[in-house]
Protein backbone atom coordinates (compact mmCIF):
# COMPACT_ATOMS: atom_id res chain seq x y z
CA MET A 1 -30.74 -25.27 -165.40
CA LYS A 2 -28.78 -22.25 -166.87
CA LYS A 3 -31.00 -19.73 -164.94
CA PHE A 4 -30.31 -21.62 -161.80
CA ILE A 5 -26.60 -21.70 -162.56
CA LEU A 6 -26.69 -18.10 -162.78
CA VAL A 7 -28.44 -16.94 -159.73
CA ALA A 8 -26.45 -19.57 -157.59
CA SER A 9 -23.24 -17.64 -159.04
CA LEU A 10 -24.39 -14.56 -158.51
CA LEU A 11 -25.26 -15.21 -154.87
CA LEU A 12 -22.17 -16.57 -154.06
CA SER A 13 -20.21 -13.79 -155.54
CA VAL A 14 -22.43 -11.15 -153.44
CA ALA A 15 -21.50 -13.68 -150.14
CA GLY A 16 -17.60 -13.38 -151.18
CA PHE A 17 -17.97 -9.89 -151.86
CA GLY A 18 -19.50 -9.36 -148.09
CA GLN A 19 -16.91 -11.21 -146.97
CA GLU A 20 -14.19 -9.26 -148.05
CA ASN A 21 -15.61 -6.15 -147.21
CA ALA A 22 -17.47 -6.90 -143.68
CA GLU A 23 -14.76 -4.22 -142.07
CA LYS A 24 -16.19 -1.89 -144.54
CA GLU A 25 -19.81 -2.51 -144.10
CA SER A 26 -19.58 -2.37 -140.55
CA LEU A 27 -18.30 0.54 -140.61
CA LEU A 28 -21.53 1.61 -142.59
CA THR A 29 -23.80 0.98 -139.68
CA LEU A 30 -21.95 3.56 -137.24
CA PRO A 31 -24.13 6.14 -138.61
CA LYS A 32 -26.98 4.66 -136.77
CA MET A 33 -25.24 4.75 -133.24
CA SER A 34 -24.75 7.75 -131.20
CA TYR A 35 -21.68 9.21 -130.40
CA LEU A 36 -21.57 7.87 -127.18
CA ASP A 37 -22.46 4.28 -127.88
CA SER A 38 -19.95 4.51 -130.41
CA LEU A 39 -17.26 5.49 -128.08
CA LYS A 40 -18.38 2.81 -125.37
CA THR A 41 -17.75 0.15 -128.00
CA THR A 42 -14.08 0.90 -127.64
CA PHE A 43 -13.69 1.09 -123.96
CA VAL A 44 -11.05 -1.42 -122.23
CA ASN A 45 -12.88 -3.57 -119.43
CA HIS A 46 -11.82 -4.94 -116.56
CA SER A 47 -14.11 -6.62 -114.69
CA THR A 48 -13.53 -6.99 -110.91
CA SER A 49 -15.87 -6.87 -107.43
CA ASN A 50 -19.70 -6.76 -107.72
CA CYS A 51 -22.12 -3.31 -107.91
CA ILE A 52 -23.92 -2.59 -105.16
CA ASP A 53 -27.07 -4.26 -105.12
CA GLU A 54 -29.92 -2.26 -105.60
CA ARG A 55 -31.86 -3.34 -102.60
CA TRP A 56 -28.56 -2.66 -100.69
CA ILE A 57 -28.51 0.61 -101.44
CA SER A 58 -32.16 1.35 -100.58
CA GLU A 59 -31.70 0.00 -97.09
CA LEU A 60 -28.10 1.71 -97.00
CA ALA A 61 -29.93 4.92 -97.50
CA SER A 62 -33.32 4.66 -95.97
CA ALA A 63 -34.86 7.65 -94.94
CA GLU A 64 -37.57 5.94 -92.73
CA LEU A 65 -35.18 4.58 -90.30
CA SER A 66 -33.85 8.09 -89.59
CA GLU A 67 -37.19 9.70 -89.72
CA ASN A 68 -38.64 7.41 -86.81
CA MET A 69 -35.47 7.69 -84.83
CA PHE A 70 -35.79 11.87 -84.78
CA SER A 71 -39.41 10.77 -83.95
CA ASP A 72 -38.44 8.33 -80.88
CA ILE A 73 -35.64 10.76 -79.21
CA SER A 74 -37.78 13.88 -79.50
CA ASP A 75 -41.33 12.15 -78.63
CA ILE A 76 -40.64 8.99 -76.44
CA ASN A 77 -41.53 9.77 -72.74
CA ILE A 78 -38.76 7.65 -70.84
CA ASP A 79 -40.37 8.19 -67.43
CA SER A 80 -43.18 6.77 -68.21
CA GLU A 81 -43.29 2.76 -67.15
CA VAL A 82 -43.43 0.13 -70.28
CA ASN A 83 -44.65 -3.19 -70.09
CA TYR A 84 -42.25 -5.82 -71.55
CA ASP A 85 -40.82 -8.52 -70.42
CA LEU A 86 -37.42 -8.02 -68.90
CA SER A 87 -37.08 -8.23 -65.31
CA THR A 88 -35.25 -5.26 -63.63
CA GLU A 89 -32.69 -7.46 -61.74
CA ILE A 90 -31.33 -8.84 -65.17
CA LEU A 91 -31.08 -5.63 -67.09
CA LYS A 92 -28.90 -4.44 -63.85
CA LYS A 93 -26.42 -7.12 -64.32
CA ARG A 94 -26.61 -6.87 -68.04
CA LEU A 95 -25.60 -3.05 -67.51
CA ALA A 96 -23.05 -3.84 -65.27
CA LYS A 97 -21.19 -6.18 -67.29
CA MET A 98 -21.43 -3.17 -70.08
CA ASP A 99 -20.16 -0.87 -67.24
CA ALA A 100 -17.02 -3.11 -66.49
CA LYS A 101 -15.66 -3.04 -70.08
CA SER A 102 -16.85 0.57 -71.06
CA PRO A 103 -15.31 4.02 -70.33
CA PHE A 104 -18.81 5.20 -69.92
CA ASN A 105 -20.32 5.74 -66.43
CA ILE A 106 -23.27 3.09 -67.28
CA GLU A 107 -25.69 2.50 -64.34
CA TYR A 108 -28.90 1.81 -63.73
CA ASN A 109 -31.87 4.33 -64.10
CA PRO A 110 -36.02 3.55 -64.26
CA ALA A 111 -35.13 5.95 -67.47
CA LEU A 112 -32.94 3.67 -69.10
CA GLU A 113 -34.91 1.08 -68.28
CA ASN A 114 -38.05 2.33 -70.01
CA THR A 115 -36.32 3.28 -72.53
CA ILE A 116 -34.60 -0.06 -73.45
CA LYS A 117 -37.81 -1.73 -72.62
CA ALA A 118 -39.40 0.82 -75.32
CA PHE A 119 -36.87 -0.16 -78.24
CA LEU A 120 -37.42 -3.67 -77.65
CA LYS A 121 -40.83 -3.71 -77.70
CA ASN A 122 -41.46 -0.84 -80.63
CA ARG A 123 -38.43 -1.25 -83.10
CA PRO A 124 -37.06 -4.81 -82.77
CA LYS A 125 -37.78 -5.08 -86.86
CA ALA A 126 -35.84 -1.43 -87.26
CA PHE A 127 -33.04 -2.61 -85.21
CA GLU A 128 -32.39 -5.81 -87.26
CA ARG A 129 -32.09 -3.41 -90.45
CA LEU A 130 -30.07 -1.25 -88.89
CA MET A 131 -27.74 -3.90 -88.01
CA ALA A 132 -27.25 -5.00 -91.29
CA VAL A 133 -26.89 -1.47 -92.61
CA SER A 134 -24.17 -1.04 -89.68
CA GLU A 135 -22.33 -3.62 -90.98
CA TYR A 136 -21.27 -1.15 -93.99
CA TYR A 137 -20.18 1.87 -91.72
CA PHE A 138 -18.98 0.53 -88.07
CA PRO A 139 -15.26 -0.70 -89.58
CA MET A 140 -14.94 2.54 -91.21
CA PHE A 141 -16.10 4.60 -87.55
CA GLU A 142 -14.15 2.30 -85.80
CA GLU A 143 -11.05 2.75 -87.69
CA HIS A 144 -11.34 6.92 -87.02
CA LEU A 145 -12.34 6.43 -83.39
CA ALA A 146 -9.44 4.32 -82.84
CA LYS A 147 -7.07 7.38 -84.60
CA TYR A 148 -8.39 9.52 -82.21
CA ASN A 149 -8.24 7.53 -79.04
CA ILE A 150 -12.14 7.34 -78.88
CA PRO A 151 -14.04 4.88 -77.22
CA LEU A 152 -15.52 2.29 -79.99
CA GLU A 153 -18.58 2.46 -78.31
CA LEU A 154 -19.55 5.82 -79.87
CA LYS A 155 -19.92 3.98 -83.26
CA TYR A 156 -23.37 3.96 -81.69
CA LEU A 157 -23.96 7.29 -81.57
CA ALA A 158 -24.32 7.43 -85.36
CA ILE A 159 -27.05 5.57 -85.29
CA VAL A 160 -29.06 7.84 -82.58
CA GLU A 161 -28.24 10.68 -84.74
CA SER A 162 -29.01 9.57 -88.15
CA ALA A 163 -30.30 6.24 -88.12
CA LEU A 164 -26.81 5.40 -90.46
CA ASN A 165 -28.42 7.41 -93.24
CA PRO A 166 -25.75 9.93 -94.67
CA LYS A 167 -28.55 11.83 -96.40
CA ALA A 168 -30.19 12.45 -93.33
CA LYS A 169 -31.67 16.13 -92.22
CA SER A 170 -32.88 17.20 -89.45
CA ARG A 171 -35.96 19.61 -88.89
CA VAL A 172 -33.44 22.16 -87.41
CA GLY A 173 -30.89 21.55 -90.34
CA ALA A 174 -28.35 19.29 -88.95
CA SER A 175 -27.30 16.89 -91.67
CA GLY A 176 -25.43 13.78 -92.97
CA LEU A 177 -24.51 10.53 -90.81
CA TRP A 178 -23.20 12.70 -87.65
CA GLN A 179 -25.88 15.82 -88.04
CA PHE A 180 -23.79 18.25 -88.35
CA MET A 181 -25.66 22.33 -88.34
CA TYR A 182 -23.76 24.53 -90.85
CA PRO A 183 -21.75 26.45 -88.23
CA THR A 184 -20.17 23.35 -86.55
CA GLY A 185 -19.27 21.74 -89.76
CA LYS A 186 -17.56 24.62 -91.14
CA GLN A 187 -15.57 24.66 -87.89
CA TYR A 188 -14.36 21.48 -88.95
CA ASN A 189 -13.74 22.09 -92.29
CA LEU A 190 -16.75 20.66 -93.93
CA GLU A 191 -17.25 22.85 -97.25
CA VAL A 192 -20.60 23.84 -97.94
CA THR A 193 -21.12 25.31 -101.17
CA SER A 194 -24.12 25.65 -104.09
CA TYR A 195 -22.34 22.33 -105.33
CA VAL A 196 -21.22 20.78 -102.48
CA ASP A 197 -22.05 19.74 -98.54
CA GLU A 198 -19.21 18.04 -97.04
CA ARG A 199 -21.62 17.28 -94.17
CA TYR A 200 -22.82 14.07 -96.30
CA ASP A 201 -19.26 12.72 -97.05
CA PRO A 202 -19.00 9.62 -94.70
CA LEU A 203 -15.27 9.73 -94.13
CA LYS A 204 -15.09 13.76 -94.09
CA ALA A 205 -18.19 13.61 -91.50
CA THR A 206 -16.70 10.86 -89.75
CA GLU A 207 -13.31 12.74 -88.86
CA ALA A 208 -14.81 15.91 -88.25
CA ALA A 209 -17.31 14.18 -85.64
CA CYS A 210 -13.60 12.41 -84.30
CA GLN A 211 -12.19 15.82 -83.98
CA TYR A 212 -15.62 17.61 -82.04
CA LEU A 213 -15.79 14.73 -79.63
CA SER A 214 -12.00 14.78 -78.63
CA SER A 215 -12.48 18.59 -78.31
CA LEU A 216 -15.66 18.23 -76.09
CA PHE A 217 -14.15 15.26 -74.23
CA GLY A 218 -11.14 17.99 -73.17
CA ILE A 219 -14.11 20.24 -71.86
CA PHE A 220 -15.73 18.05 -69.72
CA GLY A 221 -14.06 14.80 -69.40
CA ASP A 222 -17.01 12.70 -68.85
CA TRP A 223 -18.32 10.71 -71.90
CA SER A 224 -21.55 11.05 -71.17
CA MET A 225 -21.46 14.74 -70.92
CA VAL A 226 -19.68 14.55 -74.33
CA LEU A 227 -22.86 13.09 -75.74
CA ALA A 228 -25.31 15.58 -74.14
CA ALA A 229 -23.00 18.42 -75.20
CA TYR A 230 -22.69 16.80 -79.10
CA ASN A 231 -26.47 16.65 -79.03
CA CYS A 232 -26.96 20.21 -77.44
CA GLY A 233 -23.96 22.31 -77.77
CA PRO A 234 -21.32 22.89 -74.53
CA GLY A 235 -23.10 26.12 -73.93
CA ASN A 236 -26.63 24.23 -72.82
CA VAL A 237 -24.79 21.84 -70.74
CA SER A 238 -22.43 23.98 -68.78
CA LYS A 239 -26.27 26.12 -68.02
CA ALA A 240 -27.73 22.58 -66.70
CA ILE A 241 -24.46 22.02 -64.44
CA ARG A 242 -24.41 25.30 -62.90
CA ARG A 243 -28.43 25.06 -62.34
CA SER A 244 -27.65 21.58 -60.56
CA GLY A 245 -25.63 22.75 -58.58
CA GLY A 246 -22.25 21.55 -60.13
CA SER A 247 -23.03 18.28 -60.50
CA GLN A 248 -21.03 16.67 -62.96
CA ASN A 249 -23.43 13.11 -63.47
CA TYR A 250 -25.52 13.04 -66.24
CA TRP A 251 -28.41 11.76 -64.71
CA ASN A 252 -28.31 14.44 -61.80
CA ILE A 253 -28.59 17.16 -64.73
CA ARG A 254 -30.63 15.87 -66.73
CA LYS A 255 -34.07 17.94 -65.77
CA ASN A 256 -32.15 20.99 -66.61
CA LEU A 257 -30.93 19.69 -70.36
CA PRO A 258 -33.43 20.43 -73.21
CA LYS A 259 -36.07 17.71 -73.78
CA GLU A 260 -34.55 15.97 -76.80
CA THR A 261 -31.03 15.71 -74.92
CA ALA A 262 -32.88 14.50 -72.05
CA ASN A 263 -34.10 11.82 -74.17
CA TYR A 264 -30.68 11.15 -75.84
CA VAL A 265 -28.09 9.85 -73.65
CA PRO A 266 -30.75 7.29 -72.49
CA ALA A 267 -31.21 6.38 -76.55
CA PHE A 268 -27.28 5.83 -76.76
CA LEU A 269 -27.43 3.56 -73.88
CA ALA A 270 -30.22 1.82 -74.89
CA THR A 271 -28.85 1.55 -78.43
CA PHE A 272 -25.56 -0.19 -77.04
CA TYR A 273 -27.34 -2.45 -74.70
CA ILE A 274 -29.27 -3.72 -77.60
CA TYR A 275 -26.42 -4.27 -79.91
CA GLU A 276 -24.75 -6.29 -77.04
CA PHE A 277 -27.53 -8.71 -75.54
CA LYS A 278 -29.05 -8.81 -79.47
CA LYS A 279 -29.05 -12.68 -79.33
CA GLU A 280 -30.64 -12.72 -75.60
CA HIS A 281 -33.27 -10.68 -77.24
CA GLY A 282 -33.77 -12.82 -80.70
CA ILE A 283 -32.81 -9.76 -82.54
CA GLN A 284 -31.11 -11.32 -86.07
CA PRO A 285 -29.70 -8.91 -88.34
CA LYS A 286 -31.25 -8.73 -91.49
CA LYS A 287 -28.88 -9.66 -94.52
CA ALA A 288 -28.75 -7.93 -97.85
CA PRO A 289 -28.03 -10.67 -101.01
CA VAL A 290 -25.19 -8.75 -102.03
CA THR A 291 -23.19 -6.73 -99.17
CA TYR A 292 -19.77 -7.31 -99.89
CA PHE A 293 -18.20 -4.71 -102.32
CA GLU A 294 -15.38 -2.41 -102.66
CA THR A 295 -14.90 0.95 -103.77
CA ASP A 296 -12.55 3.71 -104.66
CA THR A 297 -12.26 7.23 -105.48
CA ILE A 298 -10.30 9.42 -107.99
CA MET A 299 -9.80 13.07 -108.48
CA VAL A 300 -12.14 14.69 -111.54
CA LYS A 301 -10.04 16.82 -114.14
CA LYS A 302 -13.23 18.00 -115.70
CA GLN A 303 -16.93 18.80 -114.20
CA MET A 304 -19.37 15.96 -114.65
CA SER A 305 -22.92 15.21 -114.31
CA PHE A 306 -24.09 11.92 -112.17
CA LYS A 307 -26.12 11.53 -115.54
CA GLN A 308 -23.08 11.70 -117.50
CA ILE A 309 -21.14 9.27 -115.57
CA SER A 310 -24.27 6.85 -115.48
CA ASP A 311 -24.24 6.74 -119.40
CA LEU A 312 -20.54 6.28 -119.58
CA LEU A 313 -19.88 3.40 -117.20
CA ASP A 314 -23.66 1.84 -116.83
CA ILE A 315 -24.25 3.01 -113.23
CA PRO A 316 -27.38 3.81 -111.76
CA VAL A 317 -27.62 7.24 -111.05
CA GLU A 318 -29.07 6.21 -107.68
CA GLN A 319 -25.58 4.20 -106.84
CA LEU A 320 -23.53 7.26 -107.92
CA GLU A 321 -25.75 9.79 -105.45
CA PHE A 322 -25.39 7.39 -102.51
CA LEU A 323 -21.50 6.87 -102.82
CA ASN A 324 -21.43 10.33 -103.72
CA PRO A 325 -23.64 12.32 -101.18
CA ILE A 326 -22.06 15.69 -100.86
CA TYR A 327 -22.69 16.66 -104.28
CA LYS A 328 -25.93 18.24 -103.67
CA LEU A 329 -26.65 18.90 -107.43
CA LYS A 330 -25.86 15.81 -108.68
CA VAL A 331 -22.87 17.53 -110.42
CA ILE A 332 -18.97 16.89 -109.63
CA PRO A 333 -17.42 20.85 -109.91
CA PHE A 334 -14.44 21.37 -111.09
CA GLU A 335 -12.01 23.86 -109.41
CA ALA A 336 -7.74 24.50 -110.37
CA ASP A 337 -7.21 25.22 -106.67
CA LYS A 338 -9.59 22.26 -104.53
CA PRO A 339 -9.51 18.81 -105.69
CA HIS A 340 -13.16 16.87 -105.86
CA TYR A 341 -13.63 13.44 -106.44
CA LEU A 342 -15.67 10.37 -107.52
CA ARG A 343 -16.07 7.44 -105.57
CA LEU A 344 -16.95 4.63 -107.60
CA PRO A 345 -17.27 0.21 -107.14
CA LYS A 346 -14.00 -0.95 -107.89
CA ASN A 347 -15.08 -2.47 -111.26
CA LYS A 348 -16.67 0.90 -112.31
CA MET A 349 -13.21 2.17 -111.58
CA GLY A 350 -11.74 0.17 -113.26
CA LEU A 351 -13.66 0.95 -116.37
CA PHE A 352 -13.20 4.59 -115.63
CA VAL A 353 -9.02 4.92 -115.19
CA SER A 354 -8.91 2.31 -118.57
CA ASN A 355 -10.83 4.77 -120.54
CA GLU A 356 -9.90 7.94 -118.55
CA GLU A 357 -8.78 9.93 -121.62
CA LYS A 358 -12.06 8.86 -123.87
CA ILE A 359 -14.21 9.70 -121.02
CA TYR A 360 -13.05 13.25 -120.87
CA ALA A 361 -12.74 13.34 -124.56
CA TYR A 362 -16.61 12.85 -124.70
CA LEU A 363 -16.90 15.56 -121.85
CA GLU A 364 -15.21 17.80 -124.46
CA HIS A 365 -17.56 16.86 -126.93
CA THR A 366 -20.98 17.36 -125.12
CA ASP A 367 -19.37 20.30 -124.32
CA THR A 368 -19.33 21.63 -127.54
CA HIS A 369 -22.94 21.26 -128.16
CA LYS A 370 -24.26 23.49 -125.61
CA GLU A 371 -25.43 26.68 -125.57
CA LYS A 372 -23.14 29.04 -127.63
CA THR A 373 -22.58 33.28 -127.58
CA LYS A 374 -21.60 33.18 -130.41
CA SER A 375 -20.46 31.11 -134.02
CA GLU A 376 -18.31 32.18 -137.34
CA TYR A 377 -15.90 31.29 -140.05
CA VAL A 378 -12.46 31.52 -139.65
CA ALA A 379 -10.20 31.50 -142.92
CA LEU A 380 -7.62 29.44 -143.24
CA SER A 381 -4.38 30.73 -144.30
CA PRO A 382 -3.19 28.84 -148.02
CA LYS A 383 -0.47 26.57 -145.96
CA ASP A 384 -3.52 25.32 -144.61
CA SER A 385 -5.08 24.77 -147.16
CA ILE A 386 -6.14 21.49 -148.68
CA GLY A 387 -6.25 21.13 -152.71
CA SER A 388 -7.96 24.41 -152.84
CA SER A 389 -7.37 28.31 -153.29
CA PRO A 390 -7.24 30.08 -150.14
CA ASP A 391 -10.37 32.08 -150.33
CA SER A 392 -12.07 29.08 -150.62
CA THR A 393 -11.42 26.96 -147.85
CA PHE A 394 -12.63 27.85 -144.24
CA VAL A 395 -12.71 26.21 -140.81
CA SER A 396 -16.33 25.55 -140.24
CA LYS A 397 -17.64 26.90 -136.84
CA PRO A 398 -21.37 25.53 -137.03
CA LYS A 399 -23.90 28.05 -135.78
CA PHE A 400 -27.12 27.11 -133.90
CA GLU A 401 -30.82 27.80 -134.62
CA ARG A 402 -32.64 28.33 -131.05
CA LYS A 403 -35.64 26.00 -130.48
CA THR A 404 -38.08 26.53 -127.69
CA GLN A 405 -40.07 23.88 -125.63
CA TYR A 406 -41.90 23.73 -122.67
CA HIS A 407 -41.78 21.18 -119.64
CA THR A 408 -44.50 20.79 -117.48
CA ILE A 409 -43.47 20.06 -113.61
CA LYS A 410 -44.65 16.54 -112.63
CA SER A 411 -44.69 16.14 -108.70
CA GLY A 412 -41.18 15.14 -107.13
CA GLU A 413 -39.59 16.80 -109.90
CA SER A 414 -36.42 18.62 -109.31
CA LEU A 415 -34.59 21.39 -111.17
CA GLY A 416 -31.54 18.90 -111.62
CA LYS A 417 -33.80 16.14 -112.64
CA ILE A 418 -35.33 18.20 -115.66
CA ALA A 419 -31.93 19.93 -116.45
CA ASP A 420 -30.12 16.58 -116.83
CA LYS A 421 -33.35 15.31 -119.00
CA TYR A 422 -32.82 18.03 -121.23
CA ASN A 423 -28.89 18.30 -120.98
CA VAL A 424 -29.01 21.74 -119.62
CA SER A 425 -27.30 23.56 -117.02
CA ILE A 426 -29.08 24.22 -113.63
CA ALA A 427 -28.28 28.15 -114.37
CA ASN A 428 -29.67 28.34 -117.63
CA LEU A 429 -32.74 26.95 -116.55
CA LYS A 430 -33.10 28.92 -113.57
CA SER A 431 -31.82 32.26 -116.13
CA TRP A 432 -34.69 31.62 -118.63
CA ASN A 433 -37.51 31.11 -116.26
CA HIS A 434 -36.47 34.01 -113.80
CA ILE A 435 -36.38 31.55 -110.81
CA LYS A 436 -34.10 32.88 -107.60
CA GLY A 437 -33.86 29.91 -105.44
CA ASN A 438 -33.99 25.90 -106.00
CA THR A 439 -37.95 25.45 -105.36
CA ILE A 440 -40.20 24.48 -108.21
CA GLN A 441 -44.05 23.97 -108.36
CA ALA A 442 -45.40 20.98 -109.77
CA GLY A 443 -48.08 22.17 -112.90
CA LYS A 444 -46.00 25.18 -113.57
CA LYS A 445 -44.47 25.08 -117.08
CA LEU A 446 -40.66 25.90 -117.81
CA LYS A 447 -39.30 26.76 -120.77
CA ILE A 448 -36.34 24.72 -122.38
CA TYR A 449 -34.15 26.42 -125.01
CA SER A 450 -32.13 23.98 -127.40
CA ASP A 451 -29.78 24.71 -129.93
CA LYS A 452 -29.86 22.71 -133.27
CA LYS A 453 -26.65 22.85 -134.95
CA ILE A 454 -26.48 24.13 -138.79
CA ILE A 455 -23.72 25.00 -141.22
CA VAL A 456 -24.44 28.14 -143.00
CA GLN A 457 -22.02 29.07 -145.78
CA ASN A 458 -21.57 32.49 -147.13
CA GLU A 459 -22.28 32.97 -150.77
CA SER A 460 -18.44 32.78 -151.69
CA SER A 461 -18.00 29.83 -150.13
CA ALA A 462 -21.04 27.93 -151.61
CA ASN A 463 -20.50 24.42 -153.48
CA LYS A 464 -16.78 24.83 -152.58
CA ASN A 465 -14.32 23.06 -150.56
CA ASN A 466 -14.37 23.41 -146.62
CA THR A 467 -11.96 22.61 -144.07
CA TYR A 468 -12.43 21.12 -140.61
CA GLU A 469 -9.61 20.95 -137.89
CA VAL A 470 -9.74 18.13 -135.84
CA LYS A 471 -10.35 18.49 -132.36
CA THR A 472 -9.75 15.82 -129.29
CA GLY A 473 -12.57 13.56 -129.04
CA ASP A 474 -13.58 13.78 -132.16
CA SER A 475 -14.24 10.89 -134.74
CA LEU A 476 -15.32 10.40 -138.26
CA PHE A 477 -18.54 9.65 -136.92
CA SER A 478 -19.11 12.57 -134.48
CA ILE A 479 -17.67 14.86 -137.62
CA SER A 480 -19.92 13.47 -140.39
CA LYS A 481 -22.95 14.10 -137.96
CA GLN A 482 -21.77 17.85 -137.98
CA PHE A 483 -22.26 18.09 -142.11
CA PRO A 484 -25.90 17.39 -143.17
CA GLY A 485 -25.98 14.88 -145.96
CA VAL A 486 -22.27 13.98 -145.09
CA SER A 487 -21.38 10.20 -144.57
CA ILE A 488 -18.21 8.33 -143.02
CA ASP A 489 -17.29 7.18 -146.54
CA ASP A 490 -17.30 10.53 -148.17
CA ILE A 491 -14.92 11.97 -145.91
CA LYS A 492 -12.56 9.11 -145.91
CA LYS A 493 -12.76 9.24 -150.04
CA TRP A 494 -12.39 13.13 -149.62
CA ASN A 495 -9.08 12.67 -148.01
CA ASP A 496 -7.62 9.48 -148.90
CA ILE A 497 -8.25 7.84 -145.18
CA SER A 498 -8.26 4.00 -145.36
CA GLY A 499 -9.02 3.64 -141.85
CA ASP A 500 -10.60 5.13 -138.85
CA ASN A 501 -7.76 6.88 -137.15
CA ILE A 502 -7.46 10.88 -136.84
CA GLN A 503 -5.36 12.85 -135.14
CA PRO A 504 -6.33 16.12 -133.23
CA GLY A 505 -5.35 18.76 -135.56
CA MET A 506 -5.68 17.33 -139.11
CA LYS A 507 -7.56 19.32 -141.36
CA LEU A 508 -10.20 17.50 -142.98
CA LYS A 509 -11.98 18.32 -146.54
CA ILE A 510 -15.60 18.69 -146.49
CA ASN A 511 -16.83 19.08 -150.15
CA GLY A 512 -20.07 20.95 -150.00
């Protein structure tokens, strides 16, 4: 009985002690967490609208639709009769209705009839998907087209150009929703660098497309001619006009245009027709489970990778790629004289803005762990020392022990993906392996260097007190990890710290 009472008393004492010291004990678990996880537990989170559904993202960025559209326009023989149940008389009446309410000169032509029938026969499912995707892009297109007083029907041009794939790239190098070639993109202020290709930015490319279309209308004064010139260039259209005896009618000059352009305007008008008469042909737009979401942008103040943003905000890299298609290397650069923007779903933007200072502190922290060119100890002046003599007080700048490892390239991997995996820069990856371009071959091995932080003390300072100066973004946890064998409680005990708050510029005593 006495033993039972003794054990019970001990258990109650332990329970009481544990309750009184719950806060302290919770701190002892921190070293088991990474700095990133520790930081994220302090984030303020404001929940708003939904993130983008993954299936919706997949559809919005579908390469299949754009590849099929490229193939259709280049390969279809629109002068070949198509067997499809649509009478010519009904089609003529419908085209007349479209012509009456459109600034385009829409007239019946056998080639147009063949194109419409071919699309209806071979691509009804593709158009159902495109109509769902267009719900995302068309409001933005219409806003910009109206701003430049351009017919709203030209929103269908982006379907013919890219099938609404912001990452579309043609075999000749035209890129983005509006398929800008490099020189034309530069002419309309679309920046292309090693990091950035603004031809992939839906907003900037749409603005540039409107400016280009306005310019072409000023030259030709006819929207069908504008479409032809958009595809093959105003020079080729001018040549076709001359070779056709000066005709200003698209159908009359069509035989003198490049083959793809000869199919291009009929493909545009066929797309226009199918959108106008989708119900009559039983075409029902497919809907993604979650289609409504809001996005916003923020100017970055420091270079950051999609991997870092993904880790911090718990957002898939694939979402970041879709929302920020202009960043070729999945890295948002920072330039003091040119702003760069990050686009996020609104709820993730709220999380970013609410914790902006902590996010940049984390980026600063990760930078300190990258490969260094040198390291050293800097002696503090006597007035900076804490409880020790001047010759035994140092600011510890850690040295690094280089480790070499090898990565075997897998099929489908890119330099950016491998660099993200090992937390190194693409530039270093290319330098270490003497890679000049961006092409890598599956099966080959890449050399990867990493640096393990170590503390090296000289003889005069061994077994004496060191001093660490707190930097922006530091926490007791991150500092303890820099000194092998040193715990958070050790640092708090040596420096008489009762809570967790430390400030940049504080000098902490680290007993070695």
